[in-house]
Amino acid sequence: MLKIIFSTFLVVFLAELGDKTQLVTMLLSSKSTSKIPVFLGASLALISTTLIGVLCGSFVEKYIPQNVLNLVSGIAFILIGIIIIFK
């Protein structure tokens, strides 16, 4: 269980570094006189989106086989990469 927690933390932490969510949070924090409400608001937003992701993942897992999910996600990431390259 700790291995899953650590690997999930590491992957999400690295994925979130420098993304638009972090940049917006820094902008909001720089404009606010109190940093705690910005921290709490951003934390609640990330917790909420993570909850949605976990619930959706649990639902999808019941109806779509893992190999199909892997194939579809791989194709989606490749397509997104191609779109980003040519934009």
N, C-alpha and C. Protein backbone atom coordinates (compact mmCIF):
# COMPACT_ATOMS: atom_id res chain seq x y z
N MET A 1 0.81 -1.19 0.00
CA MET A 1 0.00 0.00 0.00
C MET A 1 0.86 1.27 0.00
N LEU A 2 1.93 1.28 0.79
CA LEU A 2 2.81 2.44 0.81
C LEU A 2 3.48 2.66 -0.55
N LYS A 3 3.77 1.56 -1.23
CA LYS A 3 4.38 1.68 -2.56
C LYS A 3 3.44 2.39 -3.53
N ILE A 4 2.16 2.05 -3.47
CA ILE A 4 1.17 2.69 -4.34
C ILE A 4 1.04 4.17 -3.98
N ILE A 5 1.00 4.48 -2.69
CA ILE A 5 0.91 5.87 -2.25
C ILE A 5 2.11 6.66 -2.74
N PHE A 6 3.31 6.12 -2.54
CA PHE A 6 4.53 6.82 -2.93
C PHE A 6 4.60 7.01 -4.44
N SER A 7 4.31 5.95 -5.21
CA SER A 7 4.40 6.08 -6.66
C SER A 7 3.35 7.04 -7.21
N THR A 8 2.14 7.03 -6.65
CA THR A 8 1.10 7.97 -7.06
C THR A 8 1.51 9.39 -6.73
N PHE A 9 2.02 9.60 -5.52
CA PHE A 9 2.48 10.92 -5.12
C PHE A 9 3.56 11.42 -6.06
N LEU A 10 4.53 10.59 -6.33
CA LEU A 10 5.66 11.00 -7.17
C LEU A 10 5.21 11.36 -8.58
N VAL A 11 4.38 10.53 -9.18
CA VAL A 11 3.92 10.78 -10.55
C VAL A 11 3.09 12.06 -10.61
N VAL A 12 2.14 12.22 -9.69
CA VAL A 12 1.28 13.41 -9.71
C VAL A 12 2.10 14.66 -9.37
N PHE A 13 2.99 14.56 -8.40
CA PHE A 13 3.83 15.70 -8.02
C PHE A 13 4.66 16.18 -9.19
N LEU A 14 5.31 15.26 -9.88
CA LEU A 14 6.14 15.64 -11.03
C LEU A 14 5.30 16.18 -12.18
N ALA A 15 4.12 15.61 -12.38
CA ALA A 15 3.24 16.08 -13.46
C ALA A 15 2.72 17.48 -13.18
N GLU A 16 2.53 17.82 -11.92
CA GLU A 16 1.96 19.12 -11.56
C GLU A 16 2.99 20.23 -11.50
N LEU A 17 4.28 19.89 -11.39
CA LEU A 17 5.30 20.93 -11.29
C LEU A 17 5.30 21.80 -12.54
N GLY A 18 5.14 23.09 -12.36
CA GLY A 18 5.23 24.02 -13.47
C GLY A 18 4.03 24.03 -14.40
N ASP A 19 2.96 23.35 -14.06
CA ASP A 19 1.79 23.37 -14.94
C ASP A 19 0.96 24.62 -14.67
N LYS A 20 -0.10 24.79 -15.45
CA LYS A 20 -0.91 26.01 -15.33
C LYS A 20 -1.56 26.15 -13.96
N THR A 21 -1.89 25.03 -13.31
CA THR A 21 -2.49 25.11 -11.98
C THR A 21 -1.51 25.74 -10.99
N GLN A 22 -0.27 25.32 -11.05
CA GLN A 22 0.73 25.88 -10.14
C GLN A 22 0.99 27.35 -10.45
N LEU A 23 1.03 27.69 -11.73
CA LEU A 23 1.26 29.08 -12.11
C LEU A 23 0.11 29.99 -11.66
N VAL A 24 -1.12 29.51 -11.83
CA VAL A 24 -2.29 30.29 -11.38
C VAL A 24 -2.27 30.44 -9.86
N THR A 25 -1.92 29.38 -9.16
CA THR A 25 -1.85 29.45 -7.70
C THR A 25 -0.79 30.46 -7.26
N MET A 26 0.36 30.47 -7.95
CA MET A 26 1.40 31.46 -7.61
C MET A 26 0.90 32.88 -7.87
N LEU A 27 0.18 33.08 -8.99
CA LEU A 27 -0.36 34.39 -9.31
C LEU A 27 -1.37 34.84 -8.25
N LEU A 28 -2.29 33.95 -7.89
CA LEU A 28 -3.28 34.29 -6.85
C LEU A 28 -2.60 34.59 -5.51
N SER A 29 -1.57 33.82 -5.20
CA SER A 29 -0.86 34.03 -3.94
C SER A 29 -0.13 35.37 -3.94
N SER A 30 0.41 35.74 -5.08
CA SER A 30 1.14 37.01 -5.14
C SER A 30 0.20 38.21 -5.01
N LYS A 31 -1.06 38.04 -5.38
CA LYS A 31 -2.03 39.14 -5.30
C LYS A 31 -2.79 39.15 -3.97
N SER A 32 -2.63 38.13 -3.18
CA SER A 32 -3.38 38.02 -1.93
C SER A 32 -2.51 38.43 -0.75
N THR A 33 -3.13 39.07 0.21
CA THR A 33 -2.38 39.44 1.41
C THR A 33 -2.28 38.26 2.38
N SER A 34 -3.22 37.32 2.26
CA SER A 34 -3.20 36.14 3.12
C SER A 34 -2.99 34.89 2.25
N LYS A 35 -1.98 34.15 2.53
CA LYS A 35 -1.63 32.98 1.71
C LYS A 35 -2.42 31.73 2.07
N ILE A 36 -2.89 31.63 3.30
CA ILE A 36 -3.61 30.44 3.76
C ILE A 36 -4.88 30.18 2.95
N PRO A 37 -5.73 31.19 2.70
CA PRO A 37 -6.93 30.91 1.89
C PRO A 37 -6.59 30.43 0.47
N VAL A 38 -5.53 30.96 -0.11
CA VAL A 38 -5.12 30.51 -1.45
C VAL A 38 -4.67 29.05 -1.37
N PHE A 39 -3.88 28.72 -0.37
CA PHE A 39 -3.44 27.35 -0.19
C PHE A 39 -4.63 26.41 0.01
N LEU A 40 -5.55 26.79 0.87
CA LEU A 40 -6.72 25.94 1.14
C LEU A 40 -7.60 25.78 -0.09
N GLY A 41 -7.83 26.87 -0.82
CA GLY A 41 -8.65 26.79 -2.02
C GLY A 41 -8.01 25.91 -3.09
N ALA A 42 -6.71 26.08 -3.32
CA ALA A 42 -6.01 25.26 -4.31
C ALA A 42 -5.98 23.79 -3.87
N SER A 43 -5.77 23.56 -2.60
CA SER A 43 -5.74 22.19 -2.09
C SER A 43 -7.09 21.50 -2.24
N LEU A 44 -8.16 22.21 -1.90
CA LEU A 44 -9.51 21.64 -2.05
C LEU A 44 -9.83 21.36 -3.52
N ALA A 45 -9.39 22.25 -4.41
CA ALA A 45 -9.62 22.03 -5.85
C ALA A 45 -8.90 20.78 -6.32
N LEU A 46 -7.64 20.60 -5.91
CA LEU A 46 -6.88 19.42 -6.33
C LEU A 46 -7.45 18.15 -5.72
N ILE A 47 -7.88 18.23 -4.47
CA ILE A 47 -8.50 17.06 -3.83
C ILE A 47 -9.78 16.69 -4.58
N SER A 48 -10.58 17.69 -4.94
CA SER A 48 -11.85 17.42 -5.64
C SER A 48 -11.62 16.79 -7.02
N THR A 49 -10.67 17.33 -7.78
CA THR A 49 -10.41 16.76 -9.10
C THR A 49 -9.81 15.37 -8.99
N THR A 50 -9.01 15.14 -7.96
CA THR A 50 -8.45 13.81 -7.74
C THR A 50 -9.56 12.82 -7.39
N LEU A 51 -10.49 13.24 -6.55
CA LEU A 51 -11.62 12.38 -6.20
C LEU A 51 -12.42 12.01 -7.44
N ILE A 52 -12.68 12.98 -8.31
CA ILE A 52 -13.40 12.70 -9.55
C ILE A 52 -12.62 11.69 -10.40
N GLY A 53 -11.30 11.88 -10.49
CA GLY A 53 -10.47 10.95 -11.26
C GLY A 53 -10.51 9.54 -10.71
N VAL A 54 -10.44 9.40 -9.40
CA VAL A 54 -10.47 8.08 -8.77
C VAL A 54 -11.83 7.41 -8.97
N LEU A 55 -12.89 8.17 -8.78
CA LEU A 55 -14.23 7.61 -8.96
C LEU A 55 -14.48 7.21 -10.42
N CYS A 56 -14.09 8.06 -11.34
CA CYS A 56 -14.25 7.73 -12.77
C CYS A 56 -13.40 6.52 -13.14
N GLY A 57 -12.18 6.47 -12.63
CA GLY A 57 -11.31 5.32 -12.90
C GLY A 57 -11.89 4.03 -12.37
N SER A 58 -12.47 4.08 -11.19
CA SER A 58 -13.10 2.89 -10.61
C SER A 58 -14.30 2.44 -11.44
N PHE A 59 -15.08 3.40 -11.94
CA PHE A 59 -16.24 3.08 -12.76
C PHE A 59 -15.81 2.48 -14.10
N VAL A 60 -14.85 3.11 -14.75
CA VAL A 60 -14.39 2.66 -16.06
C VAL A 60 -13.76 1.27 -15.97
N GLU A 61 -13.03 1.02 -14.89
CA GLU A 61 -12.34 -0.26 -14.70
C GLU A 61 -13.32 -1.43 -14.70
N LYS A 62 -14.54 -1.19 -14.22
CA LYS A 62 -15.53 -2.26 -14.14
C LYS A 62 -16.05 -2.68 -15.51
N TYR A 63 -16.02 -1.77 -16.48
CA TYR A 63 -16.68 -2.03 -17.76
C TYR A 63 -15.73 -2.13 -18.96
N ILE A 64 -14.51 -1.67 -18.82
CA ILE A 64 -13.56 -1.70 -19.93
C ILE A 64 -12.31 -2.46 -19.49
N PRO A 65 -11.88 -3.47 -20.26
CA PRO A 65 -10.69 -4.24 -19.89
C PRO A 65 -9.42 -3.36 -19.86
N GLN A 66 -8.49 -3.74 -19.00
CA GLN A 66 -7.26 -2.97 -18.80
C GLN A 66 -6.47 -2.80 -20.10
N ASN A 67 -6.37 -3.85 -20.92
CA ASN A 67 -5.59 -3.74 -22.15
C ASN A 67 -6.21 -2.72 -23.12
N VAL A 68 -7.54 -2.62 -23.13
CA VAL A 68 -8.21 -1.62 -23.99
C VAL A 68 -7.93 -0.22 -23.44
N LEU A 69 -7.98 -0.06 -22.13
CA LEU A 69 -7.67 1.24 -21.53
C LEU A 69 -6.24 1.68 -21.86
N ASN A 70 -5.30 0.73 -21.75
CA ASN A 70 -3.91 1.05 -22.06
C ASN A 70 -3.75 1.48 -23.51
N LEU A 71 -4.40 0.76 -24.41
CA LEU A 71 -4.31 1.08 -25.84
C LEU A 71 -4.91 2.45 -26.13
N VAL A 72 -6.11 2.69 -25.62
CA VAL A 72 -6.79 3.97 -25.89
C VAL A 72 -6.00 5.13 -25.29
N SER A 73 -5.49 4.98 -24.04
CA SER A 73 -4.72 6.07 -23.46
C SER A 73 -3.43 6.31 -24.20
N GLY A 74 -2.78 5.24 -24.64
CA GLY A 74 -1.55 5.40 -25.42
C GLY A 74 -1.80 6.16 -26.71
N ILE A 75 -2.85 5.77 -27.42
CA ILE A 75 -3.20 6.46 -28.67
C ILE A 75 -3.55 7.92 -28.40
N ALA A 76 -4.30 8.17 -27.33
CA ALA A 76 -4.69 9.55 -27.00
C ALA A 76 -3.46 10.41 -26.72
N PHE A 77 -2.50 9.88 -25.96
CA PHE A 77 -1.29 10.65 -25.66
C PHE A 77 -0.47 10.90 -26.92
N ILE A 78 -0.39 9.94 -27.79
CA ILE A 78 0.34 10.12 -29.05
C ILE A 78 -0.34 11.20 -29.89
N LEU A 79 -1.67 11.15 -30.00
CA LEU A 79 -2.40 12.16 -30.77
C LEU A 79 -2.23 13.55 -30.18
N ILE A 80 -2.31 13.64 -28.86
CA ILE A 80 -2.11 14.94 -28.21
C ILE A 80 -0.70 15.46 -28.50
N GLY A 81 0.29 14.59 -28.43
CA GLY A 81 1.66 14.98 -28.74
C GLY A 81 1.80 15.49 -30.16
N ILE A 82 1.19 14.80 -31.11
CA ILE A 82 1.24 15.22 -32.52
C ILE A 82 0.56 16.57 -32.69
N ILE A 83 -0.58 16.74 -32.07
CA ILE A 83 -1.30 18.03 -32.17
C ILE A 83 -0.44 19.16 -31.59
N ILE A 84 0.19 18.92 -30.46
CA ILE A 84 1.04 19.95 -29.84
C ILE A 84 2.24 20.29 -30.73
N ILE A 85 2.82 19.28 -31.35
CA ILE A 85 3.99 19.52 -32.21
C ILE A 85 3.61 20.41 -33.40
N PHE A 86 2.46 20.17 -34.00
CA PHE A 86 2.08 20.90 -35.20
C PHE A 86 1.26 22.16 -34.96
N LYS A 87 1.07 22.54 -33.72
CA LYS A 87 0.36 23.80 -33.43
C LYS A 87 1.31 24.94 -33.32
